[in-house]
C-alpha atoms as a PDB file:
ATOM      1  CA  MET A   1      -8.519   3.877   3.424  1.00  0.00           C
ATOM      2  CA  ARG A   2      -8.582   3.648  -0.363  1.00  0.00           C
ATOM      3  CA  ILE A   3      -7.020   4.466  -3.751  1.00  0.00           C
ATOM      4  CA  ARG A   4      -8.468   7.633  -5.240  1.00  0.00           C
ATOM      5  CA  THR A   5      -8.768   7.871  -8.135  1.00  0.00           C
ATOM      6  CA  GLY A   6     -10.609  11.320  -9.240  1.00  0.00           C
ATOM      7  CA  ALA A   7      -6.958  13.270  -8.935  1.00  0.00           C
ATOM      8  CA  ALA A   8      -4.758  12.995 -11.875  1.00  0.00           C
ATOM      9  CA  ILE A   9      -0.877  14.429 -10.905  1.00  0.00           C
ATOM     10  CA  ALA A  10      -0.949  16.193 -14.328  1.00  0.00           C
ATOM     11  CA  LEU A  11       0.555  13.149 -15.763  1.00  0.00           C
ATOM     12  CA  GLY A  12      -2.666  12.382 -18.119  1.00  0.00           C
ATOM     13  CA  SER A  13      -3.838   9.155 -16.593  1.00  0.00           C
ATOM     14  CA  VAL A  14      -1.524   8.324 -13.953  1.00  0.00           C
ATOM     15  CA  LEU A  15      -3.563   8.047 -10.601  1.00  0.00           C
ATOM     16  CA  VAL A  16      -3.218   9.372  -7.043  1.00  0.00           C
ATOM     17  CA  LEU A  17      -3.483   6.494  -4.100  1.00  0.00           C
ATOM     18  CA  ALA A  18      -4.833   7.693  -0.851  1.00  0.00           C
ATOM     19  CA  GLY A  19      -5.704   5.973   2.315  1.00  0.00           C
ATOM     20  CA  CYS A  20      -7.680   6.786   5.504  1.00  0.00           C
ATOM     21  CA  SER A  21     -10.721   8.521   4.053  1.00  0.00           C
ATOM     22  CA  ASN A  22     -13.551   9.638   5.997  1.00  0.00           C
ATOM     23  CA  GLY A  23     -15.826   6.835   5.145  1.00  0.00           C
ATOM     24  CA  ASP A  24     -17.839   8.361   2.190  1.00  0.00           C
ATOM     25  CA  ASP A  25     -16.713   5.840   0.215  1.00  0.00           C
ATOM     26  CA  THR A  26     -19.745   4.104  -2.081  1.00  0.00           C
ATOM     27  CA  GLU A  27     -19.304   0.094  -2.772  1.00  0.00           C
ATOM     28  CA  GLY A  28     -22.112  -1.235  -5.383  1.00  0.00           C
ATOM     29  CA  ASP A  29     -22.541  -4.557  -6.882  1.00  0.00           C
ATOM     30  CA  ALA A  30     -20.590  -4.870  -9.741  1.00  0.00           C
ATOM     31  CA  THR A  31     -22.689  -5.253 -12.886  1.00  0.00           C
ATOM     32  CA  ALA A  32     -21.799  -7.289 -15.817  1.00  0.00           C
ATOM     33  CA  ALA A  33     -20.980  -4.442 -17.638  1.00  0.00           C
ATOM     34  CA  ASP A  34     -18.084  -3.061 -15.306  1.00  0.00           C
ATOM     35  CA  THR A  35     -16.592  -6.258 -15.285  1.00  0.00           C
ATOM     36  CA  THR A  36     -13.857  -6.260 -17.812  1.00  0.00           C
ATOM     37  CA  SER A  37     -10.731  -6.989 -17.156  1.00  0.00           C
ATOM     38  CA  THR A  38      -8.173  -3.844 -17.974  1.00  0.00           C
ATOM     39  CA  ALA A  39      -4.566  -5.747 -16.029  1.00  0.00           C
ATOM     40  CA  ASP A  40      -3.157  -5.583 -19.689  1.00  0.00           C
ATOM     41  CA  ALA A  41      -2.274  -1.884 -19.046  1.00  0.00           C
ATOM     42  CA  PRO A  42       1.328  -1.000 -19.929  1.00  0.00           C
ATOM     43  CA  ALA A  43       3.698  -0.180 -17.269  1.00  0.00           C
ATOM     44  CA  ALA A  44       5.095   3.260 -16.826  1.00  0.00           C
ATOM     45  CA  ASP A  45       8.166   3.996 -18.557  1.00  0.00           C
ATOM     46  CA  LEU A  46      10.410   4.901 -15.630  1.00  0.00           C
ATOM     47  CA  GLY A  47      12.659   6.265 -17.615  1.00  0.00           C
ATOM     48  CA  ASN A  48      10.774   9.002 -18.311  1.00  0.00           C
ATOM     49  CA  PHE A  49      10.402  10.267 -14.610  1.00  0.00           C
ATOM     50  CA  PRO A  50      13.401  10.723 -12.114  1.00  0.00           C
ATOM     51  CA  ALA A  51      14.070   7.945  -9.395  1.00  0.00           C
ATOM     52  CA  LEU A  52      12.851   7.653  -5.944  1.00  0.00           C
ATOM     53  CA  PRO A  53      15.922   9.547  -3.954  1.00  0.00           C
ATOM     54  CA  THR A  54      18.499   7.160  -2.300  1.00  0.00           C
ATOM     55  CA  PRO A  55      17.053   5.536   0.961  1.00  0.00           C
ATOM     56  CA  PRO A  56      18.459   6.224   4.415  1.00  0.00           C
ATOM     57  CA  GLU A  57      21.177   4.002   5.608  1.00  0.00           C
ATOM     58  CA  GLY A  58      19.375   4.219   9.244  1.00  0.00           C
ATOM     59  CA  GLY A  59      21.358   4.804  12.622  1.00  0.00           C
ATOM     60  CA  ASP A  60      20.083   4.727  16.400  1.00  0.00           C
ATOM     61  CA  PRO A  61      16.737   4.181  17.720  1.00  0.00           C
ATOM     62  CA  VAL A  62      13.916   6.672  17.159  1.00  0.00           C
ATOM     63  CA  THR A  63      10.838   7.711  18.851  1.00  0.00           C
ATOM     64  CA  CYS A  64       7.691   7.879  16.808  1.00  0.00           C
ATOM     65  CA  GLU A  65       4.077   9.126  17.514  1.00  0.00           C
ATOM     66  CA  TYR A  66       1.244   7.238  16.701  1.00  0.00           C
ATOM     67  CA  ASP A  67      -2.172   9.910  17.504  1.00  0.00           C
ATOM     68  CA  ALA A  68      -5.076   8.192  17.965  1.00  0.00           C
ATOM     69  CA  GLN A  69      -7.399   8.685  14.883  1.00  0.00           C
ATOM     70  CA  GLY A  70     -11.088   7.072  14.694  1.00  0.00           C
ATOM     71  CA  GLU A  71     -12.358   3.763  15.737  1.00  0.00           C
ATOM     72  CA  PRO A  72     -10.342   0.831  14.859  1.00  0.00           C
ATOM     73  CA  ALA A  73     -11.000  -1.443  12.030  1.00  0.00           C
ATOM     74  CA  ALA A  74     -10.339  -4.503  13.697  1.00  0.00           C
ATOM     75  CA  PRO A  75      -9.107  -4.750  17.683  1.00  0.00           C
ATOM     76  CA  ALA A  76      -5.313  -3.319  17.729  1.00  0.00           C
ATOM     77  CA  GLN A  77      -3.281  -1.177  19.935  1.00  0.00           C
ATOM     78  CA  PRO A  78      -0.385   1.324  18.722  1.00  0.00           C
ATOM     79  CA  PRO A  79       3.055   0.170  18.784  1.00  0.00           C
ATOM     80  CA  ALA A  80       5.506   0.670  21.767  1.00  0.00           C
ATOM     81  CA  ALA A  81       6.658   4.475  20.248  1.00  0.00           C
ATOM     82  CA  THR A  82      10.343   4.481  22.139  1.00  0.00           C
ATOM     83  CA  ASP A  83      13.597   3.253  21.184  1.00  0.00           C
ATOM     84  CA  VAL A  84      12.273   2.164  17.817  1.00  0.00           C
ATOM     85  CA  PRO A  85      15.048   0.302  15.717  1.00  0.00           C
ATOM     86  CA  ALA A  86      16.266   2.178  12.717  1.00  0.00           C
ATOM     87  CA  THR A  87      18.439  -0.875  11.149  1.00  0.00           C
ATOM     88  CA  GLY A  88      17.667  -4.060  10.107  1.00  0.00           C
ATOM     89  CA  THR A  89      15.388  -5.894   8.157  1.00  0.00           C
ATOM     90  CA  THR A  90      12.301  -8.003   8.651  1.00  0.00           C
ATOM     91  CA  VAL A  91      10.162 -10.469   6.857  1.00  0.00           C
ATOM     92  CA  LEU A  92       6.689 -10.365   6.215  1.00  0.00           C
ATOM     93  CA  THR A  93       4.590 -13.334   4.893  1.00  0.00           C
ATOM     94  CA  LEU A  94       1.161 -12.675   3.878  1.00  0.00           C
ATOM     95  CA  ALA A  95      -0.335 -15.530   3.478  1.00  0.00           C
ATOM     96  CA  THR A  96      -3.557 -14.938   0.997  1.00  0.00           C
ATOM     97  CA  ASP A  97      -5.774 -17.314  -0.915  1.00  0.00           C
ATOM     98  CA  ALA A  98      -4.332 -16.616  -3.666  1.00  0.00           C
ATOM     99  CA  GLY A  99      -0.825 -17.781  -2.603  1.00  0.00           C
ATOM    100  CA  ALA A 100       1.790 -16.337  -0.265  1.00  0.00           C
ATOM    101  CA  ILE A 101       3.347 -12.596  -0.473  1.00  0.00           C
ATOM    102  CA  ASP A 102       7.009 -12.311   0.998  1.00  0.00           C
ATOM    103  CA  ALA A 103       8.166  -8.955   1.573  1.00  0.00           C
ATOM    104  CA  THR A 104      11.362  -7.492   3.249  1.00  0.00           C
ATOM    105  CA  LEU A 105      10.671  -4.857   5.550  1.00  0.00           C
ATOM    106  CA  ASP A 106      13.749  -2.315   5.919  1.00  0.00           C
ATOM    107  CA  ARG A 107      13.710  -0.362   9.473  1.00  0.00           C
ATOM    108  CA  ALA A 108      16.485   2.040   7.918  1.00  0.00           C
ATOM    109  CA  TRP A 109      13.938   3.296   5.370  1.00  0.00           C
ATOM    110  CA  ALA A 110      10.804   3.705   7.683  1.00  0.00           C
ATOM    111  CA  PRO A 111      11.302   2.982  11.028  1.00  0.00           C
ATOM    112  CA  CYS A 112       8.047   3.875  12.329  1.00  0.00           C
ATOM    113  CA  THR A 113       6.326   2.295   9.260  1.00  0.00           C
ATOM    114  CA  VAL A 114       7.805  -1.348  10.140  1.00  0.00           C
ATOM    115  CA  GLN A 115       7.508  -1.014  13.434  1.00  0.00           C
ATOM    116  CA  SER A 116       3.562  -0.415  12.974  1.00  0.00           C
ATOM    117  CA  ILE A 117       3.076  -2.912  10.088  1.00  0.00           C
ATOM    118  CA  VAL A 118       4.911  -5.135  12.521  1.00  0.00           C
ATOM    119  CA  SER A 119       3.012  -5.008  15.351  1.00  0.00           C
ATOM    120  CA  LEU A 120      -0.306  -5.115  13.465  1.00  0.00           C
ATOM    121  CA  ALA A 121       0.769  -8.521  11.885  1.00  0.00           C
ATOM    122  CA  ASP A 122       1.849  -9.982  15.527  1.00  0.00           C
ATOM    123  CA  GLN A 123      -1.932  -8.956  16.947  1.00  0.00           C
ATOM    124  CA  GLY A 124      -3.412 -10.677  14.179  1.00  0.00           C
ATOM    125  CA  PHE A 125      -4.960  -7.396  12.689  1.00  0.00           C
ATOM    126  CA  TYR A 126      -4.661  -8.521   9.269  1.00  0.00           C
ATOM    127  CA  ASP A 127      -5.977 -11.811   9.395  1.00  0.00           C
ATOM    128  CA  GLY A 128      -8.941 -12.470   7.385  1.00  0.00           C
ATOM    129  CA  THR A 129      -8.235  -9.018   5.556  1.00  0.00           C
ATOM    130  CA  PRO A 130      -9.455  -8.627   1.999  1.00  0.00           C
ATOM    131  CA  CYS A 131      -7.249  -6.845  -0.415  1.00  0.00           C
ATOM    132  CA  HIS A 132     -10.040  -4.935  -1.627  1.00  0.00           C
ATOM    133  CA  ARG A 133      -8.415  -2.978  -4.624  1.00  0.00           C
ATOM    134  CA  LEU A 134      -6.687  -3.627  -7.573  1.00  0.00           C
ATOM    135  CA  THR A 135      -5.461  -0.812 -10.037  1.00  0.00           C
ATOM    136  CA  ALA A 136      -4.406  -1.746 -13.500  1.00  0.00           C
ATOM    137  CA  ALA A 137      -4.450   1.734 -15.182  1.00  0.00           C
ATOM    138  CA  SER A 138      -1.687   2.733 -17.211  1.00  0.00           C
ATOM    139  CA  GLY A 139       1.039   4.376 -15.035  1.00  0.00           C
ATOM    140  CA  LEU A 140      -0.389   3.024 -11.628  1.00  0.00           C
ATOM    141  CA  SER A 141      -0.526  -1.035 -11.385  1.00  0.00           C
ATOM    142  CA  VAL A 142      -1.059  -1.615  -7.528  1.00  0.00           C
ATOM    143  CA  LEU A 143      -2.926  -3.950  -5.170  1.00  0.00           C
ATOM    144  CA  GLN A 144      -4.122  -2.203  -2.100  1.00  0.00           C
ATOM    145  CA  CYS A 145      -4.841  -3.969   1.464  1.00  0.00           C
ATOM    146  CA  GLY A 146      -4.669  -3.179   4.686  1.00  0.00           C
ATOM    147  CA  ASP A 147      -8.432  -2.606   5.769  1.00  0.00           C
ATOM    148  CA  PRO A 148     -10.116  -5.665   7.680  1.00  0.00           C
ATOM    149  CA  SER A 149     -13.273  -4.228   7.007  1.00  0.00           C
ATOM    150  CA  GLY A 150     -12.832  -4.041   3.012  1.00  0.00           C
ATOM    151  CA  ARG A 151     -14.301  -1.132   2.525  1.00  0.00           C
ATOM    152  CA  GLY A 152     -11.461   0.810   1.940  1.00  0.00           C
ATOM    153  CA  ASN A 153     -12.117   3.380   4.836  1.00  0.00           C
ATOM    154  CA  GLY A 154     -10.464   1.519   8.066  1.00  0.00           C
ATOM    155  CA  GLY A 155      -7.312   1.876   9.835  1.00  0.00           C
ATOM    156  CA  PRO A 156      -5.787   0.736  13.273  1.00  0.00           C
ATOM    157  CA  GLY A 157      -7.183   3.847  15.119  1.00  0.00           C
ATOM    158  CA  TYR A 158      -4.283   5.794  15.169  1.00  0.00           C
ATOM    159  CA  GLN A 159      -2.164   7.652  12.540  1.00  0.00           C
ATOM    160  CA  PHE A 160       1.616   8.353  11.974  1.00  0.00           C
ATOM    161  CA  ALA A 161       3.672  10.642   9.949  1.00  0.00           C
ATOM    162  CA  ASP A 162       5.174  10.195   6.430  1.00  0.00           C
ATOM    163  CA  GLU A 163       8.278   8.422   5.837  1.00  0.00           C
ATOM    164  CA  TYR A 164      11.275   8.057   3.111  1.00  0.00           C
ATOM    165  CA  PRO A 165      10.747   9.288   0.177  1.00  0.00           C
ATOM    166  CA  ALA A 166       9.145  12.292   1.316  1.00  0.00           C
ATOM    167  CA  THR A 167      11.624  13.041   3.912  1.00  0.00           C
ATOM    168  CA  ALA A 168      14.138  12.648   1.565  1.00  0.00           C
ATOM    169  CA  ALA A 169      12.493  14.386  -1.413  1.00  0.00           C
ATOM    170  CA  GLU A 170      13.610  17.608  -3.070  1.00  0.00           C
ATOM    171  CA  SER A 171      10.118  18.235  -4.628  1.00  0.00           C
ATOM    172  CA  SER A 172       6.781  16.909  -5.006  1.00  0.00           C
ATOM    173  CA  GLU A 173       7.496  15.828  -8.645  1.00  0.00           C
ATOM    174  CA  ALA A 174       6.457  12.366  -9.639  1.00  0.00           C
ATOM    175  CA  VAL A 175       8.675   9.593  -9.762  1.00  0.00           C
ATOM    176  CA  GLY A 176       9.096   6.077 -10.125  1.00  0.00           C
ATOM    177  CA  TYR A 177       7.812   3.575  -7.718  1.00  0.00           C
ATOM    178  CA  PRO A 178       9.051   0.621  -9.451  1.00  0.00           C
ATOM    179  CA  ARG A 179       7.983  -2.923  -9.448  1.00  0.00           C
ATOM    180  CA  GLY A 180       8.070  -5.055  -6.336  1.00  0.00           C
ATOM    181  CA  THR A 181       7.720  -1.678  -4.557  1.00  0.00           C
ATOM    182  CA  LEU A 182       5.992  -2.043  -1.167  1.00  0.00           C
ATOM    183  CA  ALA A 183       4.661   1.273   0.076  1.00  0.00           C
ATOM    184  CA  MET A 184       2.114   2.489   2.248  1.00  0.00           C
ATOM    185  CA  ALA A 185      -1.619   4.747   1.721  1.00  0.00           C
ATOM    186  CA  ASN A 186      -2.576   7.674   2.914  1.00  0.00           C
ATOM    187  CA  ALA A 187      -4.861  10.671   2.713  1.00  0.00           C
ATOM    188  CA  GLY A 188      -2.600  13.196   2.892  1.00  0.00           C
ATOM    189  CA  PRO A 189       0.411  14.037   4.702  1.00  0.00           C
ATOM    190  CA  GLY A 190       0.494  12.310   7.855  1.00  0.00           C
ATOM    191  CA  THR A 191      -2.087   9.711   8.043  1.00  0.00           C
ATOM    192  CA  ASN A 192      -0.712   6.872   7.632  1.00  0.00           C
ATOM    193  CA  GLY A 193      -2.659   3.957   9.299  1.00  0.00           C
ATOM    194  CA  SER A 194      -2.611   0.189   8.308  1.00  0.00           C
ATOM    195  CA  GLN A 195      -3.407   0.293   4.202  1.00  0.00           C
ATOM    196  CA  PHE A 196      -0.275  -0.553   2.337  1.00  0.00           C
ATOM    197  CA  PHE A 197      -0.073  -1.208  -1.598  1.00  0.00           C
ATOM    198  CA  LEU A 198       2.056  -3.411  -3.619  1.00  0.00           C
ATOM    199  CA  VAL A 199       3.180  -2.335  -6.783  1.00  0.00           C
ATOM    200  CA  TYR A 200       3.383  -4.855  -9.488  1.00  0.00           C
ATOM    201  CA  GLU A 201       4.079  -3.156 -12.464  1.00  0.00           C
ATOM    202  CA  ASP A 202       6.198  -0.180 -12.690  1.00  0.00           C
ATOM    203  CA  SER A 203       4.072   3.169 -11.601  1.00  0.00           C
ATOM    204  CA  VAL A 204       4.707   7.001 -11.431  1.00  0.00           C
ATOM    205  CA  LEU A 205       3.208   8.650  -8.220  1.00  0.00           C
ATOM    206  CA  PRO A 206       4.270  12.141  -5.906  1.00  0.00           C
ATOM    207  CA  PRO A 207       6.934  11.126  -3.573  1.00  0.00           C
ATOM    208  CA  ALA A 208       3.579  11.068  -0.795  1.00  0.00           C
ATOM    209  CA  TYR A 209       3.558   7.214  -0.290  1.00  0.00           C
ATOM    210  CA  THR A 210       6.275   5.618   2.439  1.00  0.00           C
ATOM    211  CA  VAL A 211       8.328   2.985   0.861  1.00  0.00           C
ATOM    212  CA  PHE A 212       9.243   0.483   3.526  1.00  0.00           C
ATOM    213  CA  GLY A 213       9.977  -2.796   1.599  1.00  0.00           C
ATOM    214  CA  THR A 214      10.156  -5.038  -1.107  1.00  0.00           C
ATOM    215  CA  ILE A 215       8.255  -7.819  -2.202  1.00  0.00           C
ATOM    216  CA  SER A 216       9.896 -11.333  -3.139  1.00  0.00           C
ATOM    217  CA  GLU A 217      10.210 -12.571  -6.406  1.00  0.00           C
ATOM    218  CA  THR A 218       7.699 -15.288  -5.797  1.00  0.00           C
ATOM    219  CA  GLY A 219       5.451 -12.592  -4.267  1.00  0.00           C
ATOM    220  CA  LEU A 220       5.211 -11.005  -7.216  1.00  0.00           C
ATOM    221  CA  GLU A 221       4.460 -14.056  -9.147  1.00  0.00           C
ATOM    222  CA  VAL A 222       0.891 -14.433  -6.828  1.00  0.00           C
ATOM    223  CA  LEU A 223       0.660 -10.635  -7.840  1.00  0.00           C
ATOM    224  CA  ASP A 224       0.831 -11.309 -11.252  1.00  0.00           C
ATOM    225  CA  GLU A 225      -1.890 -14.075 -11.184  1.00  0.00           C
ATOM    226  CA  ILE A 226      -4.119 -11.730  -9.779  1.00  0.00           C
ATOM    227  CA  ALA A 227      -3.382  -8.786 -11.924  1.00  0.00           C
ATOM    228  CA  ALA A 228      -3.861 -11.090 -14.755  1.00  0.00           C
ATOM    229  CA  GLU A 229      -7.762 -11.560 -14.067  1.00  0.00           C
ATOM    230  CA  GLY A 230      -8.122  -8.122 -14.063  1.00  0.00           C
ATOM    231  CA  THR A 231     -10.188  -5.308 -11.884  1.00  0.00           C
ATOM    232  CA  ASP A 232     -14.286  -4.842 -11.714  1.00  0.00           C
ATOM    233  CA  ASN A 233     -13.482  -0.977 -12.785  1.00  0.00           C
ATOM    234  CA  ARG A 234     -16.476  -0.092 -10.088  1.00  0.00           C
ATOM    235  CA  ASN A 235     -14.159   2.829  -9.720  1.00  0.00           C
ATOM    236  CA  GLY A 236     -13.719   3.339 -13.307  1.00  0.00           C
ATOM    237  CA  PRO A 237     -11.587   1.671 -16.217  1.00  0.00           C
ATOM    238  CA  GLY A 238      -8.893  -0.062 -14.683  1.00  0.00           C
ATOM    239  CA  ASP A 239      -9.543   0.529 -11.117  1.00  0.00           C
ATOM    240  CA  GLY A 240     -11.972  -1.424  -8.889  1.00  0.00           C
ATOM    241  CA  ALA A 241     -12.037  -4.731  -6.956  1.00  0.00           C
ATOM    242  CA  PRO A 242     -10.130  -7.543  -7.904  1.00  0.00           C
ATOM    243  CA  ASN A 243     -12.112 -10.080  -9.960  1.00  0.00           C
ATOM    244  CA  ARG A 244     -10.020 -12.736  -8.398  1.00  0.00           C
ATOM    245  CA  SER A 245     -10.862 -12.392  -4.579  1.00  0.00           C
ATOM    246  CA  VAL A 246      -7.393 -11.874  -2.443  1.00  0.00           C
ATOM    247  CA  THR A 247      -8.065 -12.357   1.467  1.00  0.00           C
ATOM    248  CA  ILE A 248      -4.956 -12.379   3.854  1.00  0.00           C
ATOM    249  CA  ASP A 249      -5.728 -15.143   5.728  1.00  0.00           C
ATOM    250  CA  SER A 250      -2.534 -14.351   8.141  1.00  0.00           C
ATOM    251  CA  ALA A 251       0.466 -11.983   8.575  1.00  0.00           C
ATOM    252  CA  THR A 252       3.520 -13.120   9.982  1.00  0.00           C
ATOM    253  CA  THR A 253       6.752 -11.587  10.563  1.00  0.00           C
ATOM    254  CA  SER A 254      10.397 -13.199  10.671  1.00  0.00           C
END
């Protein structure tokens, strides 16, 4: 999985996130010439874009489909797919070498996504996983994590369908993903896997990236510290590996 920067969404410098690529990414060593920090890029003015649609309220348990897709980047089994709760919240704690990042996962918004993330965390899938990408471009400010290989093209060996906001949006028009949003990376419809991104400044994207949680204030402080050191720009200005190396030592739920 990766953040693809070659496809803008008719919004100038606003770029599209993606994950679960076919493994054709190239990762070279950054040179001194391309390690300039661009973390001071302005946040998007969400007043110029529609808000995310109203999230679902949840209800009866649902059945999910986790379809086999390639080899897992680390040992993993798909989660239970029947009687999946569609109400309630779970706290995800990412203990990183930069500090702890807590997030509240909402099953009403994305029951199949939360089911998968909780299962992977409980299996230790994310333990020792680097956060391989930081974007600091105007309108797109995220840290992307979730591929144990660190290359940006790995996943859990299965994929599943998009949920909120894709299932609630009336069009593909770009919307605001506010600071503190936790969402899934993907490579197109129905390609969610293990990679996710954490929004540390207001950003703008099509409503194609499943939102499944919110990041705590203390977690955002950690993200701000990471972002302040910028990116190595290996994928273009404001897009590359974080200059401050970030590794998820463990991911736990409660």
